[in-house]
């Protein structure tokens, strides 16, 4: 579970992300990133009913995305707001596939250095 310092909750922060963020799209999620002033990395996850009508599956997807991000938190550049929007089809993917795709997307976004 992500710490409270690392989560985006305020509507004004979401508005700033939707207005000025760079977008990167993967097979089953979209990544929006923008720099913040706090110096800490902050994350938010959106899983709509288009992914699944069942809240259990949506929460499972959200937990998998959060766990994937938490595992890579030390490698991500500091001072970044990151919004991950799940797309239909992600609920059928395994955790390891979600994690590897997320790392690739973060590398394309320039948030993780290429190894």
C-alpha atoms as a PDB file:
ATOM      1  CA  UNK A   1       0.000   0.000   0.000  1.00  0.00           C
ATOM      2  CA  UNK A   2       1.312   3.414  -0.912  1.00  0.00           C
ATOM      3  CA  UNK A   3       1.965   5.963   1.806  1.00  0.00           C
ATOM      4  CA  UNK A   4      -0.395   8.905   2.078  1.00  0.00           C
ATOM      5  CA  UNK A   5       2.424  11.241   1.008  1.00  0.00           C
ATOM      6  CA  UNK A   6       2.614   9.316  -2.274  1.00  0.00           C
ATOM      7  CA  UNK A   7      -1.057   9.534  -3.260  1.00  0.00           C
ATOM      8  CA  UNK A   8      -2.969  12.151  -5.229  1.00  0.00           C
ATOM      9  CA  UNK A   9      -6.340  12.990  -3.710  1.00  0.00           C
ATOM     10  CA  UNK A  10      -7.228  16.626  -4.466  1.00  0.00           C
ATOM     11  CA  UNK A  11      -9.385  17.556  -7.438  1.00  0.00           C
ATOM     12  CA  UNK A  12      -7.086  20.471  -8.326  1.00  0.00           C
ATOM     13  CA  UNK A  13      -4.161  18.055  -8.654  1.00  0.00           C
ATOM     14  CA  UNK A  14      -6.177  15.838 -11.002  1.00  0.00           C
ATOM     15  CA  UNK A  15      -7.178  18.912 -13.021  1.00  0.00           C
ATOM     16  CA  UNK A  16      -3.524  19.918 -13.358  1.00  0.00           C
ATOM     17  CA  UNK A  17      -2.639  16.428 -14.555  1.00  0.00           C
ATOM     18  CA  UNK A  18      -5.395  16.342 -17.168  1.00  0.00           C
ATOM     19  CA  UNK A  19      -4.531  19.834 -18.451  1.00  0.00           C
ATOM     20  CA  UNK A  20      -0.753  19.735 -18.670  1.00  0.00           C
ATOM     21  CA  UNK A  21       0.492  16.170 -18.432  1.00  0.00           C
ATOM     22  CA  UNK A  22       2.403  14.183 -21.026  1.00  0.00           C
ATOM     23  CA  UNK A  23       0.616  10.991 -22.013  1.00  0.00           C
ATOM     24  CA  UNK A  24       2.062   7.596 -22.801  1.00  0.00           C
ATOM     25  CA  UNK A  25      -0.128   4.711 -23.860  1.00  0.00           C
ATOM     26  CA  UNK A  26       0.511   1.036 -23.396  1.00  0.00           C
ATOM     27  CA  UNK A  27      -1.499  -2.022 -24.426  1.00  0.00           C
ATOM     28  CA  UNK A  28      -3.745  -1.974 -21.387  1.00  0.00           C
ATOM     29  CA  UNK A  29      -3.169   1.302 -19.561  1.00  0.00           C
ATOM     30  CA  UNK A  30      -2.492   4.963 -20.178  1.00  0.00           C
ATOM     31  CA  UNK A  31       0.139   6.885 -18.228  1.00  0.00           C
ATOM     32  CA  UNK A  32      -0.064  10.633 -17.571  1.00  0.00           C
ATOM     33  CA  UNK A  33       2.883  12.362 -15.955  1.00  0.00           C
ATOM     34  CA  UNK A  34       3.678  15.882 -14.810  1.00  0.00           C
ATOM     35  CA  UNK A  35       6.262  17.424 -12.475  1.00  0.00           C
ATOM     36  CA  UNK A  36       5.139  18.566  -9.033  1.00  0.00           C
ATOM     37  CA  UNK A  37       6.528  21.040  -6.526  1.00  0.00           C
ATOM     38  CA  UNK A  38       6.506  18.786  -3.476  1.00  0.00           C
ATOM     39  CA  UNK A  39       9.618  16.818  -4.398  1.00  0.00           C
ATOM     40  CA  UNK A  40       7.923  13.504  -3.627  1.00  0.00           C
ATOM     41  CA  UNK A  41       6.482  11.096  -6.156  1.00  0.00           C
ATOM     42  CA  UNK A  42       2.693  10.938  -6.087  1.00  0.00           C
ATOM     43  CA  UNK A  43       0.472   8.388  -7.780  1.00  0.00           C
ATOM     44  CA  UNK A  44      -3.182   7.854  -8.624  1.00  0.00           C
ATOM     45  CA  UNK A  45      -4.950   4.958 -10.321  1.00  0.00           C
ATOM     46  CA  UNK A  46      -8.188   5.085 -12.296  1.00  0.00           C
ATOM     47  CA  UNK A  47     -10.048   1.894 -13.104  1.00  0.00           C
ATOM     48  CA  UNK A  48     -13.446   2.599 -14.645  1.00  0.00           C
ATOM     49  CA  UNK A  49     -16.460   0.375 -15.089  1.00  0.00           C
ATOM     50  CA  UNK A  50     -15.392  -0.095 -18.710  1.00  0.00           C
ATOM     51  CA  UNK A  51     -12.708  -2.433 -17.346  1.00  0.00           C
ATOM     52  CA  UNK A  52     -15.199  -4.482 -15.339  1.00  0.00           C
ATOM     53  CA  UNK A  53     -18.649  -3.975 -13.884  1.00  0.00           C
ATOM     54  CA  UNK A  54     -17.513  -5.858 -10.771  1.00  0.00           C
ATOM     55  CA  UNK A  55     -15.889  -3.747  -8.058  1.00  0.00           C
ATOM     56  CA  UNK A  56     -13.881  -6.765  -6.912  1.00  0.00           C
ATOM     57  CA  UNK A  57     -12.078  -6.980 -10.262  1.00  0.00           C
ATOM     58  CA  UNK A  58     -11.559  -3.218 -10.457  1.00  0.00           C
ATOM     59  CA  UNK A  59     -10.000  -3.203  -6.981  1.00  0.00           C
ATOM     60  CA  UNK A  60      -7.807  -6.171  -7.908  1.00  0.00           C
ATOM     61  CA  UNK A  61      -6.493  -4.251 -10.911  1.00  0.00           C
ATOM     62  CA  UNK A  62      -5.903  -1.170  -8.747  1.00  0.00           C
ATOM     63  CA  UNK A  63      -3.978  -3.212  -6.166  1.00  0.00           C
ATOM     64  CA  UNK A  64      -1.835  -4.815  -8.877  1.00  0.00           C
ATOM     65  CA  UNK A  65      -0.981  -1.428 -10.362  1.00  0.00           C
ATOM     66  CA  UNK A  66      -0.154   0.005  -6.927  1.00  0.00           C
ATOM     67  CA  UNK A  67       2.078  -2.953  -6.097  1.00  0.00           C
ATOM     68  CA  UNK A  68       3.873  -2.606  -9.433  1.00  0.00           C
ATOM     69  CA  UNK A  69       4.546   1.080  -8.786  1.00  0.00           C
ATOM     70  CA  UNK A  70       5.641   0.476  -5.209  1.00  0.00           C
ATOM     71  CA  UNK A  71       8.243  -2.018  -6.365  1.00  0.00           C
ATOM     72  CA  UNK A  72       9.772   0.573  -8.700  1.00  0.00           C
ATOM     73  CA  UNK A  73       9.347   3.626  -6.450  1.00  0.00           C
ATOM     74  CA  UNK A  74      13.054   4.025  -5.656  1.00  0.00           C
ATOM     75  CA  UNK A  75      13.976   4.073  -9.361  1.00  0.00           C
ATOM     76  CA  UNK A  76      11.391   6.688 -10.439  1.00  0.00           C
ATOM     77  CA  UNK A  77      12.604  10.304 -10.711  1.00  0.00           C
ATOM     78  CA  UNK A  78      11.649  12.403  -7.688  1.00  0.00           C
ATOM     79  CA  UNK A  79       9.028  15.136  -7.942  1.00  0.00           C
ATOM     80  CA  UNK A  80       6.640  13.442 -10.345  1.00  0.00           C
ATOM     81  CA  UNK A  81       2.851  13.123 -10.327  1.00  0.00           C
ATOM     82  CA  UNK A  82       1.759   9.980 -12.132  1.00  0.00           C
ATOM     83  CA  UNK A  83      -1.776   8.985 -13.107  1.00  0.00           C
ATOM     84  CA  UNK A  84      -2.317   5.465 -14.412  1.00  0.00           C
ATOM     85  CA  UNK A  85      -5.608   4.861 -16.211  1.00  0.00           C
ATOM     86  CA  UNK A  86      -6.477   1.198 -16.712  1.00  0.00           C
ATOM     87  CA  UNK A  87      -7.936   0.189 -20.069  1.00  0.00           C
ATOM     88  CA  UNK A  88     -10.232  -2.757 -20.817  1.00  0.00           C
ATOM     89  CA  UNK A  89      -8.324  -6.017 -21.055  1.00  0.00           C
ATOM     90  CA  UNK A  90      -6.015  -5.387 -18.089  1.00  0.00           C
ATOM     91  CA  UNK A  91      -8.206  -7.509 -15.820  1.00  0.00           C
ATOM     92  CA  UNK A  92      -7.201 -10.606 -17.829  1.00  0.00           C
ATOM     93  CA  UNK A  93      -3.451  -9.990 -17.511  1.00  0.00           C
ATOM     94  CA  UNK A  94      -1.153 -11.575 -14.951  1.00  0.00           C
ATOM     95  CA  UNK A  95       0.664  -9.443 -12.367  1.00  0.00           C
ATOM     96  CA  UNK A  96       4.122  -9.976 -13.863  1.00  0.00           C
ATOM     97  CA  UNK A  97       2.905  -8.868 -17.303  1.00  0.00           C
ATOM     98  CA  UNK A  98       1.372  -5.710 -15.824  1.00  0.00           C
ATOM     99  CA  UNK A  99       4.587  -4.937 -13.951  1.00  0.00           C
ATOM    100  CA  UNK A 100       6.912  -5.414 -16.935  1.00  0.00           C
ATOM    101  CA  UNK A 101       4.665  -3.306 -19.177  1.00  0.00           C
ATOM    102  CA  UNK A 102       4.532  -0.568 -16.545  1.00  0.00           C
ATOM    103  CA  UNK A 103       8.332  -0.505 -16.242  1.00  0.00           C
ATOM    104  CA  UNK A 104       8.633  -0.255 -20.041  1.00  0.00           C
ATOM    105  CA  UNK A 105       6.145   2.627 -20.100  1.00  0.00           C
ATOM    106  CA  UNK A 106       8.034   4.420 -17.319  1.00  0.00           C
ATOM    107  CA  UNK A 107      11.261   4.045 -19.305  1.00  0.00           C
ATOM    108  CA  UNK A 108       9.585   5.488 -22.422  1.00  0.00           C
ATOM    109  CA  UNK A 109       8.344   8.393 -20.308  1.00  0.00           C
ATOM    110  CA  UNK A 110      11.903   9.035 -19.119  1.00  0.00           C
ATOM    111  CA  UNK A 111      11.063   8.438 -15.475  1.00  0.00           C
ATOM    112  CA  UNK A 112      13.343   5.408 -15.087  1.00  0.00           C
ATOM    113  CA  UNK A 113      16.829   5.242 -16.525  1.00  0.00           C
ATOM    114  CA  UNK A 114      17.348   2.556 -19.166  1.00  0.00           C
ATOM    115  CA  UNK A 115      19.516  -0.233 -17.801  1.00  0.00           C
END
